């Protein structure tokens, strides 16, 4: 019979997308929680302590299958570093969001958990995250959820899994779930993206 949609396959894809989203968010949250309470260390590139850009580097590295430590950027080169990791301009609910200015940066995990270092001390979970009013620039990435993990090395097979469709399957679920929600500042994700492109 022509024209019939395979709802069972669609439902299975959406359930898989939800499960992968939960795994990726849990992995990033595990990383951030393991660093929470460590001291602010200017230029720190280890689990013993770091600064704001170090923390955001760790999180974005883990999310994109890079080694967590040893591949750190700073607020002076964050935009090019995020582009190299596949980030897009603007903010988007259900994705990893990063906000920054010339002297500070912070992130918001896909589940909405904010994290930062240097806001009254070292690494913490909480605060304004990427959506702070002080940030004039924002970028986001839809995670390759099926392959994100915590630890010192790159996620094995991440790029291959992304190429085989993991990102597409999870991205469609994310878009359907949150495409019209707002970024937490009263600015739509689309207008934030436009503002960031014109900056």
C-alpha atoms as a PDB file:
ATOM      1  CA  UNK A   1       0.000   0.000   0.000  1.00  0.00           C
ATOM      2  CA  UNK A   2       1.559   3.280  -1.121  1.00  0.00           C
ATOM      3  CA  UNK A   3       1.652   6.458   0.940  1.00  0.00           C
ATOM      4  CA  UNK A   4       1.609   4.753   4.327  1.00  0.00           C
ATOM      5  CA  UNK A   5       4.101   6.131   6.835  1.00  0.00           C
ATOM      6  CA  UNK A   6       6.110   3.662   8.883  1.00  0.00           C
ATOM      7  CA  UNK A   7       5.173   5.055  12.296  1.00  0.00           C
ATOM      8  CA  UNK A   8       6.878   2.198  14.143  1.00  0.00           C
ATOM      9  CA  UNK A   9      10.243   3.072  12.564  1.00  0.00           C
ATOM     10  CA  UNK A  10       9.669   6.785  13.217  1.00  0.00           C
ATOM     11  CA  UNK A  11       8.738   6.088  16.844  1.00  0.00           C
ATOM     12  CA  UNK A  12      11.827   3.886  17.298  1.00  0.00           C
ATOM     13  CA  UNK A  13      14.041   6.652  15.854  1.00  0.00           C
ATOM     14  CA  UNK A  14      12.548   9.225  18.222  1.00  0.00           C
ATOM     15  CA  UNK A  15      12.937   6.928  21.233  1.00  0.00           C
ATOM     16  CA  UNK A  16      16.558   6.285  20.272  1.00  0.00           C
ATOM     17  CA  UNK A  17      17.123  10.037  19.890  1.00  0.00           C
ATOM     18  CA  UNK A  18      15.703  10.667  23.367  1.00  0.00           C
ATOM     19  CA  UNK A  19      17.905   7.964  24.886  1.00  0.00           C
ATOM     20  CA  UNK A  20      21.054   9.273  23.166  1.00  0.00           C
ATOM     21  CA  UNK A  21      20.235  12.845  24.267  1.00  0.00           C
ATOM     22  CA  UNK A  22      19.940  11.640  27.867  1.00  0.00           C
ATOM     23  CA  UNK A  23      23.242   9.737  27.669  1.00  0.00           C
ATOM     24  CA  UNK A  24      25.129  12.707  26.203  1.00  0.00           C
ATOM     25  CA  UNK A  25      23.710  15.154  28.730  1.00  0.00           C
ATOM     26  CA  UNK A  26      24.472  12.763  31.582  1.00  0.00           C
ATOM     27  CA  UNK A  27      28.052  12.364  30.344  1.00  0.00           C
ATOM     28  CA  UNK A  28      28.611  16.121  30.175  1.00  0.00           C
ATOM     29  CA  UNK A  29      26.919  16.603  33.538  1.00  0.00           C
ATOM     30  CA  UNK A  30      29.144  13.882  35.021  1.00  0.00           C
ATOM     31  CA  UNK A  31      32.220  15.726  33.712  1.00  0.00           C
ATOM     32  CA  UNK A  32      31.051  19.084  35.086  1.00  0.00           C
ATOM     33  CA  UNK A  33      30.082  17.567  38.450  1.00  0.00           C
ATOM     34  CA  UNK A  34      33.496  15.892  38.721  1.00  0.00           C
ATOM     35  CA  UNK A  35      35.137  19.318  38.259  1.00  0.00           C
ATOM     36  CA  UNK A  36      32.701  21.239  40.487  1.00  0.00           C
ATOM     37  CA  UNK A  37      34.393  22.764  43.497  1.00  0.00           C
ATOM     38  CA  UNK A  38      37.881  22.716  41.984  1.00  0.00           C
ATOM     39  CA  UNK A  39      39.740  26.030  42.245  1.00  0.00           C
ATOM     40  CA  UNK A  40      39.943  28.776  39.661  1.00  0.00           C
ATOM     41  CA  UNK A  41      43.369  28.394  38.052  1.00  0.00           C
ATOM     42  CA  UNK A  42      44.299  30.847  35.298  1.00  0.00           C
ATOM     43  CA  UNK A  43      45.219  28.771  32.252  1.00  0.00           C
ATOM     44  CA  UNK A  44      44.545  25.536  34.163  1.00  0.00           C
ATOM     45  CA  UNK A  45      44.232  22.529  31.879  1.00  0.00           C
ATOM     46  CA  UNK A  46      43.549  19.657  34.241  1.00  0.00           C
ATOM     47  CA  UNK A  47      40.900  18.243  36.568  1.00  0.00           C
ATOM     48  CA  UNK A  48      42.710  19.936  39.466  1.00  0.00           C
ATOM     49  CA  UNK A  49      41.426  23.386  38.432  1.00  0.00           C
ATOM     50  CA  UNK A  50      40.831  25.712  35.520  1.00  0.00           C
ATOM     51  CA  UNK A  51      39.543  29.091  34.446  1.00  0.00           C
ATOM     52  CA  UNK A  52      36.338  29.916  32.544  1.00  0.00           C
ATOM     53  CA  UNK A  53      37.660  29.176  29.075  1.00  0.00           C
ATOM     54  CA  UNK A  54      39.321  25.995  30.291  1.00  0.00           C
ATOM     55  CA  UNK A  55      36.009  24.670  31.599  1.00  0.00           C
ATOM     56  CA  UNK A  56      34.187  25.563  28.390  1.00  0.00           C
ATOM     57  CA  UNK A  57      37.047  23.945  26.427  1.00  0.00           C
ATOM     58  CA  UNK A  58      36.701  20.732  28.460  1.00  0.00           C
ATOM     59  CA  UNK A  59      32.928  20.578  27.921  1.00  0.00           C
ATOM     60  CA  UNK A  60      33.068  21.360  24.199  1.00  0.00           C
ATOM     61  CA  UNK A  61      35.959  18.938  23.703  1.00  0.00           C
ATOM     62  CA  UNK A  62      34.027  16.127  25.414  1.00  0.00           C
ATOM     63  CA  UNK A  63      30.912  16.939  23.404  1.00  0.00           C
ATOM     64  CA  UNK A  64      32.739  16.821  20.080  1.00  0.00           C
ATOM     65  CA  UNK A  65      34.903  13.744  20.628  1.00  0.00           C
ATOM     66  CA  UNK A  66      38.194  15.549  21.249  1.00  0.00           C
ATOM     67  CA  UNK A  67      40.570  14.863  24.115  1.00  0.00           C
ATOM     68  CA  UNK A  68      39.090  16.709  27.095  1.00  0.00           C
ATOM     69  CA  UNK A  69      42.415  18.083  28.331  1.00  0.00           C
ATOM     70  CA  UNK A  70      45.269  19.511  26.269  1.00  0.00           C
ATOM     71  CA  UNK A  71      43.130  21.234  23.601  1.00  0.00           C
ATOM     72  CA  UNK A  72      42.211  24.456  25.389  1.00  0.00           C
ATOM     73  CA  UNK A  73      41.123  27.759  23.891  1.00  0.00           C
ATOM     74  CA  UNK A  74      40.676  31.195  25.493  1.00  0.00           C
ATOM     75  CA  UNK A  75      38.285  34.121  25.166  1.00  0.00           C
ATOM     76  CA  UNK A  76      40.548  35.616  22.487  1.00  0.00           C
ATOM     77  CA  UNK A  77      40.222  32.655  20.100  1.00  0.00           C
ATOM     78  CA  UNK A  78      36.993  31.030  21.292  1.00  0.00           C
ATOM     79  CA  UNK A  79      34.980  31.877  18.178  1.00  0.00           C
ATOM     80  CA  UNK A  80      37.388  30.159  15.766  1.00  0.00           C
ATOM     81  CA  UNK A  81      37.819  27.236  18.194  1.00  0.00           C
ATOM     82  CA  UNK A  82      34.062  26.703  18.419  1.00  0.00           C
ATOM     83  CA  UNK A  83      33.696  26.943  14.625  1.00  0.00           C
ATOM     84  CA  UNK A  84      36.400  24.266  14.290  1.00  0.00           C
ATOM     85  CA  UNK A  85      34.347  22.056  16.636  1.00  0.00           C
ATOM     86  CA  UNK A  86      31.213  22.459  14.506  1.00  0.00           C
ATOM     87  CA  UNK A  87      29.358  25.134  16.516  1.00  0.00           C
ATOM     88  CA  UNK A  88      26.862  27.467  14.855  1.00  0.00           C
ATOM     89  CA  UNK A  89      26.029  31.089  15.710  1.00  0.00           C
ATOM     90  CA  UNK A  90      23.167  31.798  18.091  1.00  0.00           C
ATOM     91  CA  UNK A  91      21.471  29.777  20.812  1.00  0.00           C
ATOM     92  CA  UNK A  92      19.162  26.797  20.564  1.00  0.00           C
ATOM     93  CA  UNK A  93      17.277  24.923  23.283  1.00  0.00           C
ATOM     94  CA  UNK A  94      18.284  21.299  23.764  1.00  0.00           C
ATOM     95  CA  UNK A  95      21.833  21.841  22.508  1.00  0.00           C
ATOM     96  CA  UNK A  96      25.168  22.732  24.082  1.00  0.00           C
ATOM     97  CA  UNK A  97      25.218  26.542  24.236  1.00  0.00           C
ATOM     98  CA  UNK A  98      28.254  28.771  24.888  1.00  0.00           C
ATOM     99  CA  UNK A  99      28.192  32.491  25.630  1.00  0.00           C
ATOM    100  CA  UNK A 100      31.189  34.815  25.882  1.00  0.00           C
ATOM    101  CA  UNK A 101      32.618  38.309  25.827  1.00  0.00           C
ATOM    102  CA  UNK A 102      36.228  39.526  25.720  1.00  0.00           C
ATOM    103  CA  UNK A 103      36.929  38.427  29.285  1.00  0.00           C
ATOM    104  CA  UNK A 104      34.568  35.633  30.311  1.00  0.00           C
ATOM    105  CA  UNK A 105      32.708  32.562  29.009  1.00  0.00           C
ATOM    106  CA  UNK A 106      30.266  29.972  30.335  1.00  0.00           C
ATOM    107  CA  UNK A 107      28.178  27.091  29.001  1.00  0.00           C
ATOM    108  CA  UNK A 108      24.685  25.694  29.301  1.00  0.00           C
ATOM    109  CA  UNK A 109      24.304  21.932  28.817  1.00  0.00           C
ATOM    110  CA  UNK A 110      21.576  20.472  26.564  1.00  0.00           C
ATOM    111  CA  UNK A 111      19.292  19.838  29.554  1.00  0.00           C
ATOM    112  CA  UNK A 112      19.556  23.511  30.592  1.00  0.00           C
ATOM    113  CA  UNK A 113      22.181  23.047  33.340  1.00  0.00           C
ATOM    114  CA  UNK A 114      24.444  26.124  33.504  1.00  0.00           C
ATOM    115  CA  UNK A 115      28.130  25.825  34.395  1.00  0.00           C
ATOM    116  CA  UNK A 116      31.029  28.231  34.813  1.00  0.00           C
ATOM    117  CA  UNK A 117      34.372  28.895  36.439  1.00  0.00           C
ATOM    118  CA  UNK A 118      35.454  32.219  37.875  1.00  0.00           C
ATOM    119  CA  UNK A 119      32.097  33.509  39.000  1.00  0.00           C
ATOM    120  CA  UNK A 120      32.901  33.906  42.669  1.00  0.00           C
ATOM    121  CA  UNK A 121      35.404  31.054  42.745  1.00  0.00           C
ATOM    122  CA  UNK A 122      36.241  27.924  40.817  1.00  0.00           C
ATOM    123  CA  UNK A 123      34.163  25.527  38.774  1.00  0.00           C
ATOM    124  CA  UNK A 124      30.491  25.384  39.675  1.00  0.00           C
ATOM    125  CA  UNK A 125      27.236  23.996  38.434  1.00  0.00           C
ATOM    126  CA  UNK A 126      24.643  26.745  38.397  1.00  0.00           C
ATOM    127  CA  UNK A 127      24.609  30.449  37.719  1.00  0.00           C
ATOM    128  CA  UNK A 128      23.704  32.103  34.452  1.00  0.00           C
ATOM    129  CA  UNK A 129      25.560  29.782  32.094  1.00  0.00           C
ATOM    130  CA  UNK A 130      25.614  30.795  28.438  1.00  0.00           C
ATOM    131  CA  UNK A 131      22.582  33.060  28.778  1.00  0.00           C
ATOM    132  CA  UNK A 132      24.117  35.781  30.953  1.00  0.00           C
ATOM    133  CA  UNK A 133      23.370  39.347  29.894  1.00  0.00           C
ATOM    134  CA  UNK A 134      27.082  40.160  29.876  1.00  0.00           C
ATOM    135  CA  UNK A 135      27.676  37.851  26.886  1.00  0.00           C
ATOM    136  CA  UNK A 136      27.503  39.502  23.478  1.00  0.00           C
ATOM    137  CA  UNK A 137      28.313  36.347  21.491  1.00  0.00           C
ATOM    138  CA  UNK A 138      26.682  32.914  21.491  1.00  0.00           C
ATOM    139  CA  UNK A 139      27.201  29.642  19.643  1.00  0.00           C
ATOM    140  CA  UNK A 140      25.604  26.212  19.949  1.00  0.00           C
ATOM    141  CA  UNK A 141      26.065  22.664  18.718  1.00  0.00           C
ATOM    142  CA  UNK A 142      23.692  19.752  18.333  1.00  0.00           C
ATOM    143  CA  UNK A 143      25.658  16.979  19.944  1.00  0.00           C
ATOM    144  CA  UNK A 144      26.662  13.672  18.419  1.00  0.00           C
ATOM    145  CA  UNK A 145      24.855  12.153  21.403  1.00  0.00           C
ATOM    146  CA  UNK A 146      25.493   8.545  20.572  1.00  0.00           C
ATOM    147  CA  UNK A 147      29.213   8.843  21.166  1.00  0.00           C
ATOM    148  CA  UNK A 148      29.856  11.477  23.853  1.00  0.00           C
ATOM    149  CA  UNK A 149      31.608  10.265  26.972  1.00  0.00           C
ATOM    150  CA  UNK A 150      33.650  11.632  29.821  1.00  0.00           C
ATOM    151  CA  UNK A 151      37.276  10.826  30.564  1.00  0.00           C
ATOM    152  CA  UNK A 152      40.696  11.867  29.353  1.00  0.00           C
ATOM    153  CA  UNK A 153      40.549  10.733  25.742  1.00  0.00           C
ATOM    154  CA  UNK A 154      38.465  11.196  22.658  1.00  0.00           C
ATOM    155  CA  UNK A 155      35.291   9.200  22.311  1.00  0.00           C
ATOM    156  CA  UNK A 156      36.153   6.212  20.150  1.00  0.00           C
ATOM    157  CA  UNK A 157      34.277   6.062  16.895  1.00  0.00           C
ATOM    158  CA  UNK A 158      32.527   9.388  17.455  1.00  0.00           C
ATOM    159  CA  UNK A 159      33.141  10.833  14.026  1.00  0.00           C
ATOM    160  CA  UNK A 160      32.206   7.567  12.324  1.00  0.00           C
ATOM    161  CA  UNK A 161      28.992   7.349  14.328  1.00  0.00           C
ATOM    162  CA  UNK A 162      28.146  10.962  13.484  1.00  0.00           C
ATOM    163  CA  UNK A 163      28.754  10.303   9.801  1.00  0.00           C
ATOM    164  CA  UNK A 164      26.457   7.278   9.895  1.00  0.00           C
ATOM    165  CA  UNK A 165      23.479   9.330  10.950  1.00  0.00           C
ATOM    166  CA  UNK A 166      23.509   9.600  14.739  1.00  0.00           C
ATOM    167  CA  UNK A 167      23.549  13.394  14.590  1.00  0.00           C
ATOM    168  CA  UNK A 168      20.730  13.495  12.045  1.00  0.00           C
ATOM    169  CA  UNK A 169      18.512  11.204  14.112  1.00  0.00           C
ATOM    170  CA  UNK A 170      19.085  13.089  17.333  1.00  0.00           C
ATOM    171  CA  UNK A 171      18.931  16.517  15.713  1.00  0.00           C
ATOM    172  CA  UNK A 172      15.461  15.881  14.325  1.00  0.00           C
ATOM    173  CA  UNK A 173      14.237  14.953  17.785  1.00  0.00           C
ATOM    174  CA  UNK A 174      15.799  18.073  19.307  1.00  0.00           C
ATOM    175  CA  UNK A 175      14.294  20.349  16.675  1.00  0.00           C
ATOM    176  CA  UNK A 176      10.843  18.887  17.133  1.00  0.00           C
ATOM    177  CA  UNK A 177      11.047  19.203  20.903  1.00  0.00           C
ATOM    178  CA  UNK A 178      12.284  22.755  21.257  1.00  0.00           C
ATOM    179  CA  UNK A 179      12.445  24.732  18.053  1.00  0.00           C
ATOM    180  CA  UNK A 180      10.124  27.476  19.211  1.00  0.00           C
ATOM    181  CA  UNK A 181      11.223  27.899  22.810  1.00  0.00           C
ATOM    182  CA  UNK A 182      13.138  30.948  23.942  1.00  0.00           C
ATOM    183  CA  UNK A 183      16.736  31.259  25.116  1.00  0.00           C
ATOM    184  CA  UNK A 184      16.103  32.295  28.732  1.00  0.00           C
ATOM    185  CA  UNK A 185      16.684  36.027  28.155  1.00  0.00           C
ATOM    186  CA  UNK A 186      13.411  36.755  26.424  1.00  0.00           C
ATOM    187  CA  UNK A 187      15.145  36.544  23.045  1.00  0.00           C
ATOM    188  CA  UNK A 188      14.139  33.948  20.522  1.00  0.00           C
ATOM    189  CA  UNK A 189      16.875  31.610  19.376  1.00  0.00           C
ATOM    190  CA  UNK A 190      16.436  32.902  15.825  1.00  0.00           C
ATOM    191  CA  UNK A 191      16.881  36.557  16.802  1.00  0.00           C
ATOM    192  CA  UNK A 192      19.875  35.672  18.998  1.00  0.00           C
ATOM    193  CA  UNK A 193      21.437  33.886  16.019  1.00  0.00           C
ATOM    194  CA  UNK A 194      20.806  36.929  13.815  1.00  0.00           C
ATOM    195  CA  UNK A 195      22.281  39.248  16.460  1.00  0.00           C
ATOM    196  CA  UNK A 196      25.375  37.060  16.801  1.00  0.00           C
ATOM    197  CA  UNK A 197      25.936  36.925  13.025  1.00  0.00           C
ATOM    198  CA  UNK A 198      25.824  40.720  12.772  1.00  0.00           C
ATOM    199  CA  UNK A 199      28.234  41.268  15.693  1.00  0.00           C
END
